[in-house]
């Protein structure tokens, strides 16, 4: 075995060991359970964000239709001539 092969094998084993230690520190013994919990948290956060966006769109639509329905005092209103009959 050459020195370079031994060095690369040693470096690879050190990196694998560090990765395993880091994963054990971050995720603990129950890696699968924690990953599922994190996914559920992300799903719930996405649903909350979607609900807030939908509520904002509905609110904006309500306010804009309310404002369009009111006549502005600065815009000319539609008036009927006093001599013409009104429709009832």
PDB file of N, CA and C in Angstrom:
ATOM      1  N   UNK A   1       0.847  -1.167   0.000  1.00  0.00           N
ATOM      2  CA  UNK A   1       0.000   0.000   0.000  1.00  0.00           C
ATOM      3  C   UNK A   1       0.896   1.235   0.000  1.00  0.00           C
ATOM      4  N   UNK A   2       0.617   2.178  -0.888  1.00  0.00           N
ATOM      5  CA  UNK A   2       1.441   3.369  -0.981  1.00  0.00           C
ATOM      6  C   UNK A   2       1.028   4.381   0.079  1.00  0.00           C
ATOM      7  N   UNK A   3       1.875   5.334   0.300  1.00  0.00           N
ATOM      8  CA  UNK A   3       1.618   6.336   1.336  1.00  0.00           C
ATOM      9  C   UNK A   3       0.414   7.203   0.973  1.00  0.00           C
ATOM     10  N   UNK A   4       0.253   7.482  -0.313  1.00  0.00           N
ATOM     11  CA  UNK A   4      -0.851   8.338  -0.721  1.00  0.00           C
ATOM     12  C   UNK A   4      -2.192   7.621  -0.523  1.00  0.00           C
ATOM     13  N   UNK A   5      -2.266   6.342  -0.821  1.00  0.00           N
ATOM     14  CA  UNK A   5      -3.488   5.570  -0.600  1.00  0.00           C
ATOM     15  C   UNK A   5      -3.839   5.532   0.881  1.00  0.00           C
ATOM     16  N   UNK A   6      -2.826   5.337   1.700  1.00  0.00           N
ATOM     17  CA  UNK A   6      -3.047   5.287   3.137  1.00  0.00           C
ATOM     18  C   UNK A   6      -3.560   6.643   3.638  1.00  0.00           C
ATOM     19  N   UNK A   7      -2.980   7.725   3.143  1.00  0.00           N
ATOM     20  CA  UNK A   7      -3.402   9.066   3.551  1.00  0.00           C
ATOM     21  C   UNK A   7      -4.846   9.344   3.148  1.00  0.00           C
ATOM     22  N   UNK A   8      -5.184   9.012   1.909  1.00  0.00           N
ATOM     23  CA  UNK A   8      -6.562   9.275   1.454  1.00  0.00           C
ATOM     24  C   UNK A   8      -7.567   8.411   2.215  1.00  0.00           C
ATOM     25  N   UNK A   9      -7.201   7.182   2.516  1.00  0.00           N
ATOM     26  CA  UNK A   9      -8.088   6.319   3.294  1.00  0.00           C
ATOM     27  C   UNK A   9      -8.258   6.868   4.716  1.00  0.00           C
ATOM     28  N   UNK A  10      -7.190   7.345   5.291  1.00  0.00           N
ATOM     29  CA  UNK A  10      -7.243   7.914   6.635  1.00  0.00           C
ATOM     30  C   UNK A  10      -8.097   9.175   6.662  1.00  0.00           C
ATOM     31  N   UNK A  11      -7.926  10.042   5.675  1.00  0.00           N
ATOM     32  CA  UNK A  11      -8.724  11.266   5.600  1.00  0.00           C
ATOM     33  C   UNK A  11     -10.206  10.948   5.409  1.00  0.00           C
ATOM     34  N   UNK A  12     -10.492   9.961   4.590  1.00  0.00           N
ATOM     35  CA  UNK A  12     -11.890   9.577   4.367  1.00  0.00           C
ATOM     36  C   UNK A  12     -12.512   9.012   5.639  1.00  0.00           C
ATOM     37  N   UNK A  13     -11.775   8.191   6.359  1.00  0.00           N
ATOM     38  CA  UNK A  13     -12.324   7.614   7.590  1.00  0.00           C
ATOM     39  C   UNK A  13     -12.535   8.687   8.652  1.00  0.00           C
ATOM     40  N   UNK A  14     -11.650   9.675   8.692  1.00  0.00           N
ATOM     41  CA  UNK A  14     -11.818  10.784   9.642  1.00  0.00           C
ATOM     42  C   UNK A  14     -13.055  11.605   9.291  1.00  0.00           C
ATOM     43  N   UNK A  15     -13.266  11.847   8.013  1.00  0.00           N
ATOM     44  CA  UNK A  15     -14.443  12.632   7.614  1.00  0.00           C
ATOM     45  C   UNK A  15     -15.740  11.869   7.896  1.00  0.00           C
ATOM     46  N   UNK A  16     -15.729  10.550   7.683  1.00  0.00           N
ATOM     47  CA  UNK A  16     -16.913   9.742   7.987  1.00  0.00           C
ATOM     48  C   UNK A  16     -17.198   9.774   9.484  1.00  0.00           C
ATOM     49  N   UNK A  17     -16.161   9.658  10.282  1.00  0.00           N
ATOM     50  CA  UNK A  17     -16.331   9.684  11.734  1.00  0.00           C
ATOM     51  C   UNK A  17     -16.867  11.027  12.197  1.00  0.00           C
ATOM     52  N   UNK A  18     -16.348  12.111  11.655  1.00  0.00           N
ATOM     53  CA  UNK A  18     -16.846  13.445  12.030  1.00  0.00           C
ATOM     54  C   UNK A  18     -18.307  13.628  11.641  1.00  0.00           C
ATOM     55  N   UNK A  19     -18.668  13.151  10.452  1.00  0.00           N
ATOM     56  CA  UNK A  19     -20.055  13.273  10.014  1.00  0.00           C
ATOM     57  C   UNK A  19     -20.986  12.486  10.921  1.00  0.00           C
ATOM     58  N   UNK A  20     -20.560  11.276  11.314  1.00  0.00           N
ATOM     59  CA  UNK A  20     -21.386  10.461  12.211  1.00  0.00           C
ATOM     60  C   UNK A  20     -21.520  11.111  13.583  1.00  0.00           C
ATOM     61  N   UNK A  21     -20.442  11.670  14.086  1.00  0.00           N
ATOM     62  CA  UNK A  21     -20.502  12.351  15.379  1.00  0.00           C
ATOM     63  C   UNK A  21     -21.400  13.587  15.313  1.00  0.00           C
ATOM     64  N   UNK A  22     -21.279  14.340  14.217  1.00  0.00           N
ATOM     65  CA  UNK A  22     -22.130  15.519  14.051  1.00  0.00           C
ATOM     66  C   UNK A  22     -23.603  15.124  13.972  1.00  0.00           C
ATOM     67  N   UNK A  23     -23.915  14.086  13.216  1.00  0.00           N
ATOM     68  CA  UNK A  23     -25.296  13.625  13.109  1.00  0.00           C
ATOM     69  C   UNK A  23     -25.815  13.117  14.441  1.00  0.00           C
ATOM     70  N   UNK A  24     -24.975  12.427  15.197  1.00  0.00           N
ATOM     71  CA  UNK A  24     -25.399  11.942  16.516  1.00  0.00           C
ATOM     72  C   UNK A  24     -25.652  13.106  17.457  1.00  0.00           C
ATOM     73  N   UNK A  25     -24.849  14.150  17.370  1.00  0.00           N
ATOM     74  CA  UNK A  25     -25.037  15.314  18.220  1.00  0.00           C
ATOM     75  C   UNK A  25     -26.300  16.079  17.842  1.00  0.00           C
ATOM     76  N   UNK A  26     -26.530  16.240  16.551  1.00  0.00           N
ATOM     77  CA  UNK A  26     -27.685  17.016  16.098  1.00  0.00           C
ATOM     78  C   UNK A  26     -29.002  16.272  16.253  1.00  0.00           C
ATOM     79  N   UNK A  27     -29.007  14.989  15.910  1.00  0.00           N
ATOM     80  CA  UNK A  27     -30.264  14.264  15.834  1.00  0.00           C
ATOM     81  C   UNK A  27     -30.477  13.274  16.969  1.00  0.00           C
ATOM     82  N   UNK A  28     -29.457  12.884  17.668  1.00  0.00           N
ATOM     83  CA  UNK A  28     -29.608  11.953  18.777  1.00  0.00           C
ATOM     84  C   UNK A  28     -29.845  10.533  18.291  1.00  0.00           C
ATOM     85  N   UNK A  29     -30.299   9.697  19.234  1.00  0.00           N
ATOM     86  CA  UNK A  29     -30.488   8.281  18.922  1.00  0.00           C
ATOM     87  C   UNK A  29     -31.714   8.050  18.053  1.00  0.00           C
ATOM     88  N   UNK A  30     -32.731   8.898  18.207  1.00  0.00           N
ATOM     89  CA  UNK A  30     -33.978   8.698  17.453  1.00  0.00           C
ATOM     90  C   UNK A  30     -34.028   9.650  16.261  1.00  0.00           C
ATOM     91  N   UNK A  31     -33.178   9.394  15.286  1.00  0.00           N
ATOM     92  CA  UNK A  31     -33.091  10.266  14.114  1.00  0.00           C
ATOM     93  C   UNK A  31     -34.374  10.283  13.304  1.00  0.00           C
ATOM     94  N   UNK A  32     -34.962   9.115  13.078  1.00  0.00           N
ATOM     95  CA  UNK A  32     -36.142   9.022  12.223  1.00  0.00           C
ATOM     96  C   UNK A  32     -37.316   9.772  12.837  1.00  0.00           C
ATOM     97  N   UNK A  33     -37.514   9.639  14.133  1.00  0.00           N
ATOM     98  CA  UNK A  33     -38.641  10.305  14.799  1.00  0.00           C
ATOM     99  C   UNK A  33     -38.490  11.821  14.736  1.00  0.00           C
ATOM    100  N   UNK A  34     -37.289  12.302  14.982  1.00  0.00           N
ATOM    101  CA  UNK A  34     -37.074  13.741  14.956  1.00  0.00           C
ATOM    102  C   UNK A  34     -37.268  14.293  13.548  1.00  0.00           C
ATOM    103  N   UNK A  35     -36.854  13.549  12.543  1.00  0.00           N
ATOM    104  CA  UNK A  35     -37.030  14.007  11.161  1.00  0.00           C
ATOM    105  C   UNK A  35     -38.516  14.093  10.819  1.00  0.00           C
ATOM    106  N   UNK A  36     -39.307  13.134  11.301  1.00  0.00           N
ATOM    107  CA  UNK A  36     -40.750  13.173  11.042  1.00  0.00           C
ATOM    108  C   UNK A  36     -41.389  14.347  11.770  1.00  0.00           C
ATOM    109  N   UNK A  37     -40.948  14.631  12.996  1.00  0.00           N
ATOM    110  CA  UNK A  37     -41.484  15.765  13.741  1.00  0.00           C
ATOM    111  C   UNK A  37     -41.164  17.081  13.040  1.00  0.00           C
ATOM    112  N   UNK A  38     -39.948  17.186  12.509  1.00  0.00           N
ATOM    113  CA  UNK A  38     -39.577  18.401  11.798  1.00  0.00           C
ATOM    114  C   UNK A  38     -40.409  18.577  10.533  1.00  0.00           C
ATOM    115  N   UNK A  39     -40.678  17.474   9.842  1.00  0.00           N
ATOM    116  CA  UNK A  39     -41.512  17.564   8.638  1.00  0.00           C
ATOM    117  C   UNK A  39     -42.922  18.003   8.991  1.00  0.00           C
ATOM    118  N   UNK A  40     -43.474  17.465  10.095  1.00  0.00           N
ATOM    119  CA  UNK A  40     -44.824  17.878  10.498  1.00  0.00           C
ATOM    120  C   UNK A  40     -44.850  19.361  10.843  1.00  0.00           C
ATOM    121  N   UNK A  41     -43.816  19.848  11.491  1.00  0.00           N
ATOM    122  CA  UNK A  41     -43.744  21.270  11.813  1.00  0.00           C
ATOM    123  C   UNK A  41     -43.717  22.123  10.560  1.00  0.00           C
ATOM    124  N   UNK A  42     -42.989  21.678   9.553  1.00  0.00           N
ATOM    125  CA  UNK A  42     -42.921  22.430   8.302  1.00  0.00           C
ATOM    126  C   UNK A  42     -44.263  22.401   7.571  1.00  0.00           C
ATOM    127  N   UNK A  43     -44.944  21.266   7.632  1.00  0.00           N
ATOM    128  CA  UNK A  43     -46.261  21.163   6.996  1.00  0.00           C
ATOM    129  C   UNK A  43     -47.242  22.102   7.683  1.00  0.00           C
ATOM    130  N   UNK A  44     -47.254  22.097   9.015  1.00  0.00           N
ATOM    131  CA  UNK A  44     -48.161  22.976   9.752  1.00  0.00           C
ATOM    132  C   UNK A  44     -47.828  24.446   9.501  1.00  0.00           C
ATOM    133  N   UNK A  45     -46.555  24.782   9.449  1.00  0.00           N
ATOM    134  CA  UNK A  45     -46.169  26.165   9.170  1.00  0.00           C
ATOM    135  C   UNK A  45     -46.626  26.574   7.769  1.00  0.00           C
ATOM    136  N   UNK A  46     -46.506  25.680   6.812  1.00  0.00           N
ATOM    137  CA  UNK A  46     -46.978  25.979   5.460  1.00  0.00           C
ATOM    138  C   UNK A  46     -48.479  26.182   5.403  1.00  0.00           C
ATOM    139  N   UNK A  47     -49.214  25.373   6.167  1.00  0.00           N
ATOM    140  CA  UNK A  47     -50.672  25.523   6.196  1.00  0.00           C
ATOM    141  C   UNK A  47     -51.070  26.846   6.849  1.00  0.00           C
ATOM    142  N   UNK A  48     -50.364  27.239   7.896  1.00  0.00           N
ATOM    143  CA  UNK A  48     -50.668  28.515   8.554  1.00  0.00           C
ATOM    144  C   UNK A  48     -50.377  29.681   7.610  1.00  0.00           C
ATOM    145  N   UNK A  49     -49.262  29.624   6.908  1.00  0.00           N
ATOM    146  CA  UNK A  49     -48.928  30.689   5.963  1.00  0.00           C
ATOM    147  C   UNK A  49     -49.966  30.764   4.849  1.00  0.00           C
ATOM    148  N   UNK A  50     -50.403  29.602   4.344  1.00  0.00           N
ATOM    149  CA  UNK A  50     -51.416  29.587   3.285  1.00  0.00           C
ATOM    150  C   UNK A  50     -52.729  30.159   3.803  1.00  0.00           C
ATOM    151  N   UNK A  51     -53.113  29.832   5.041  1.00  0.00           N
ATOM    152  CA  UNK A  51     -54.360  30.357   5.603  1.00  0.00           C
ATOM    153  C   UNK A  51     -54.290  31.872   5.775  1.00  0.00           C
ATOM    154  N   UNK A  52     -53.158  32.375   6.224  1.00  0.00           N
ATOM    155  CA  UNK A  52     -53.005  33.823   6.388  1.00  0.00           C
ATOM    156  C   UNK A  52     -53.067  34.522   5.035  1.00  0.00           C
ATOM    157  N   UNK A  53     -52.420  33.955   4.026  1.00  0.00           N
ATOM    158  CA  UNK A  53     -52.482  34.549   2.685  1.00  0.00           C
ATOM    159  C   UNK A  53     -53.904  34.555   2.136  1.00  0.00           C
ATOM    160  N   UNK A  54     -54.632  33.459   2.336  1.00  0.00           N
ATOM    161  CA  UNK A  54     -56.024  33.399   1.871  1.00  0.00           C
ATOM    162  C   UNK A  54     -56.881  34.432   2.593  1.00  0.00           C
ATOM    163  N   UNK A  55     -56.701  34.543   3.900  1.00  0.00           N
ATOM    164  CA  UNK A  55     -57.467  35.536   4.656  1.00  0.00           C
ATOM    165  C   UNK A  55     -57.131  36.945   4.192  1.00  0.00           C
ATOM    166  N   UNK A  56     -55.878  37.201   3.897  1.00  0.00           N
ATOM    167  CA  UNK A  56     -55.488  38.511   3.385  1.00  0.00           C
ATOM    168  C   UNK A  56     -56.129  38.813   2.036  1.00  0.00           C
ATOM    169  N   UNK A  57     -56.182  37.816   1.164  1.00  0.00           N
ATOM    170  CA  UNK A  57     -56.816  38.011  -0.155  1.00  0.00           C
ATOM    171  C   UNK A  57     -58.308  38.275  -0.010  1.00  0.00           C
ATOM    172  N   UNK A  58     -58.965  37.536   0.860  1.00  0.00           N
ATOM    173  CA  UNK A  58     -60.407  37.736   1.081  1.00  0.00           C
ATOM    174  C   UNK A  58     -60.653  39.113   1.673  1.00  0.00           C
ATOM    175  N   UNK A  59     -59.825  39.512   2.640  1.00  0.00           N
ATOM    176  CA  UNK A  59     -59.983  40.838   3.245  1.00  0.00           C
ATOM    177  C   UNK A  59     -59.763  41.949   2.240  1.00  0.00           C
ATOM    178  N   UNK A  60     -58.727  41.804   1.423  1.00  0.00           N
ATOM    179  CA  UNK A  60     -58.456  42.819   0.394  1.00  0.00           C
ATOM    180  C   UNK A  60     -59.613  42.905  -0.597  1.00  0.00           C
ATOM    181  N   UNK A  61     -60.143  41.770  -0.993  1.00  0.00           N
ATOM    182  CA  UNK A  61     -61.272  41.766  -1.918  1.00  0.00           C
ATOM    183  C   UNK A  61     -62.486  42.455  -1.297  1.00  0.00           C
ATOM    184  N   UNK A  62     -62.756  42.159  -0.029  1.00  0.00           N
ATOM    185  CA  UNK A  62     -63.898  42.780   0.653  1.00  0.00           C
ATOM    186  C   UNK A  62     -63.732  44.292   0.721  1.00  0.00           C
ATOM    187  N   UNK A  63     -62.562  44.754   1.125  1.00  0.00           N
ATOM    188  CA  UNK A  63     -62.323  46.186   1.264  1.00  0.00           C
ATOM    189  C   UNK A  63     -62.386  46.876  -0.093  1.00  0.00           C
ATOM    190  N   UNK A  64     -61.794  46.271  -1.110  1.00  0.00           N
ATOM    191  CA  UNK A  64     -61.800  46.923  -2.424  1.00  0.00           C
ATOM    192  C   UNK A  64     -63.219  46.990  -2.995  1.00  0.00           C
ATOM    193  N   UNK A  65     -64.024  45.957  -2.801  1.00  0.00           N
ATOM    194  CA  UNK A  65     -65.402  46.017  -3.287  1.00  0.00           C
ATOM    195  C   UNK A  65     -66.236  47.012  -2.479  1.00  0.00           C
ATOM    196  N   UNK A  66     -65.954  47.149  -1.185  1.00  0.00           N
ATOM    197  CA  UNK A  66     -66.653  48.137  -0.370  1.00  0.00           C
ATOM    198  C   UNK A  66     -66.326  49.546  -0.845  1.00  0.00           C
ATOM    199  N   UNK A  67     -65.061  49.777  -1.168  1.00  0.00           N
ATOM    200  CA  UNK A  67     -64.662  51.112  -1.607  1.00  0.00           C
ATOM    201  C   UNK A  67     -65.192  51.420  -2.997  1.00  0.00           C
ATOM    202  N   UNK A  68     -65.244  50.432  -3.869  1.00  0.00           N
ATOM    203  CA  UNK A  68     -65.770  50.655  -5.220  1.00  0.00           C
ATOM    204  C   UNK A  68     -67.265  50.924  -5.148  1.00  0.00           C
ATOM    205  N   UNK A  69     -67.960  50.305  -4.223  1.00  0.00           N
ATOM    206  CA  UNK A  69     -69.398  50.483  -4.083  1.00  0.00           C
ATOM    207  C   UNK A  69     -69.784  51.869  -3.600  1.00  0.00           C
ATOM    208  N   UNK A  70     -68.913  52.524  -2.864  1.00  0.00           N
ATOM    209  CA  UNK A  70     -69.209  53.870  -2.387  1.00  0.00           C
ATOM    210  C   UNK A  70     -68.836  54.877  -3.461  1.00  0.00           C
ATOM    211  N   UNK A  71     -69.638  55.926  -3.582  1.00  0.00           N
ATOM    212  CA  UNK A  71     -69.275  56.960  -4.549  1.00  0.00           C
ATOM    213  C   UNK A  71     -68.399  57.979  -3.850  1.00  0.00           C
ATOM    214  N   UNK A  72     -67.351  58.334  -4.487  1.00  0.00           N
ATOM    215  CA  UNK A  72     -66.415  59.291  -3.933  1.00  0.00           C
ATOM    216  C   UNK A  72     -67.000  60.696  -4.076  1.00  0.00           C
ATOM    217  N   UNK A  73     -66.774  61.558  -3.096  1.00  0.00           N
ATOM    218  CA  UNK A  73     -67.317  62.920  -3.224  1.00  0.00           C
ATOM    219  C   UNK A  73     -66.625  63.710  -4.328  1.00  0.00           C
ATOM    220  N   UNK A  74     -65.487  63.238  -4.807  1.00  0.00           N
ATOM    221  CA  UNK A  74     -64.756  63.952  -5.840  1.00  0.00           C
ATOM    222  C   UNK A  74     -65.079  63.453  -7.240  1.00  0.00           C
ATOM    223  N   UNK A  75     -65.739  62.320  -7.348  1.00  0.00           N
ATOM    224  CA  UNK A  75     -66.066  61.817  -8.673  1.00  0.00           C
ATOM    225  C   UNK A  75     -67.478  62.256  -9.041  1.00  0.00           C
ATOM    226  N   UNK A  76     -67.693  62.551 -10.330  1.00  0.00           N
ATOM    227  CA  UNK A  76     -69.033  62.990 -10.735  1.00  0.00           C
ATOM    228  C   UNK A  76     -70.020  61.831 -10.622  1.00  0.00           C
ATOM    229  N   UNK A  77     -71.131  62.088  -9.995  1.00  0.00           N
ATOM    230  CA  UNK A  77     -72.156  61.068  -9.822  1.00  0.00           C
ATOM    231  C   UNK A  77     -73.073  61.010 -11.025  1.00  0.00           C
ATOM    232  N   UNK A  78     -73.781  59.927 -11.178  1.00  0.00           N
ATOM    233  CA  UNK A  78     -74.742  59.787 -12.261  1.00  0.00           C
ATOM    234  C   UNK A  78     -76.043  60.421 -11.792  1.00  0.00           C
ATOM    235  N   UNK A  79     -76.499  61.415 -12.545  1.00  0.00           N
ATOM    236  CA  UNK A  79     -77.747  62.083 -12.159  1.00  0.00           C
ATOM    237  C   UNK A  79     -78.747  61.956 -13.302  1.00  0.00           C
ATOM    238  N   UNK A  80     -79.990  61.834 -12.942  1.00  0.00           N
ATOM    239  CA  UNK A  80     -81.056  61.756 -13.952  1.00  0.00           C
ATOM    240  C   UNK A  80     -81.688  63.128 -14.079  1.00  0.00           C
ATOM    241  N   UNK A  81     -82.061  63.490 -15.276  1.00  0.00           N
ATOM    242  CA  UNK A  81     -82.730  64.796 -15.446  1.00  0.00           C
ATOM    243  C   UNK A  81     -84.048  64.809 -14.673  1.00  0.00           C
ATOM    244  N   UNK A  82     -84.421  65.970 -14.162  1.00  0.00           N
ATOM    245  CA  UNK A  82     -85.602  66.075 -13.303  1.00  0.00           C
ATOM    246  C   UNK A  82     -86.886  65.851 -14.087  1.00  0.00           C
ATOM    247  N   UNK A  83     -86.875  66.070 -15.370  1.00  0.00           N
ATOM    248  CA  UNK A  83     -88.060  65.909 -16.176  1.00  0.00           C
ATOM    249  C   UNK A  83     -88.302  64.475 -16.638  1.00  0.00           C
ATOM    250  N   UNK A  84     -87.330  63.589 -16.563  1.00  0.00           N
ATOM    251  CA  UNK A  84     -87.494  62.239 -17.076  1.00  0.00           C
ATOM    252  C   UNK A  84     -88.042  61.339 -15.978  1.00  0.00           C
ATOM    253  N   UNK A  85     -88.858  60.349 -16.349  1.00  0.00           N
ATOM    254  CA  UNK A  85     -89.409  59.447 -15.350  1.00  0.00           C
ATOM    255  C   UNK A  85     -88.311  58.488 -14.838  1.00  0.00           C
ATOM    256  N   UNK A  86     -88.418  58.124 -13.602  1.00  0.00           N
ATOM    257  CA  UNK A  86     -87.464  57.176 -13.014  1.00  0.00           C
ATOM    258  C   UNK A  86     -88.036  55.785 -13.128  1.00  0.00           C
ATOM    259  N   UNK A  87     -87.202  54.817 -13.240  1.00  0.00           N
ATOM    260  CA  UNK A  87     -87.659  53.410 -13.345  1.00  0.00           C
ATOM    261  C   UNK A  87     -87.811  52.842 -11.961  1.00  0.00           C
ATOM    262  N   UNK A  88     -88.925  52.175 -11.718  1.00  0.00           N
ATOM    263  CA  UNK A  88     -89.183  51.556 -10.423  1.00  0.00           C
ATOM    264  C   UNK A  88     -89.461  50.101 -10.581  1.00  0.00           C
TER     265      UNK A  88
END
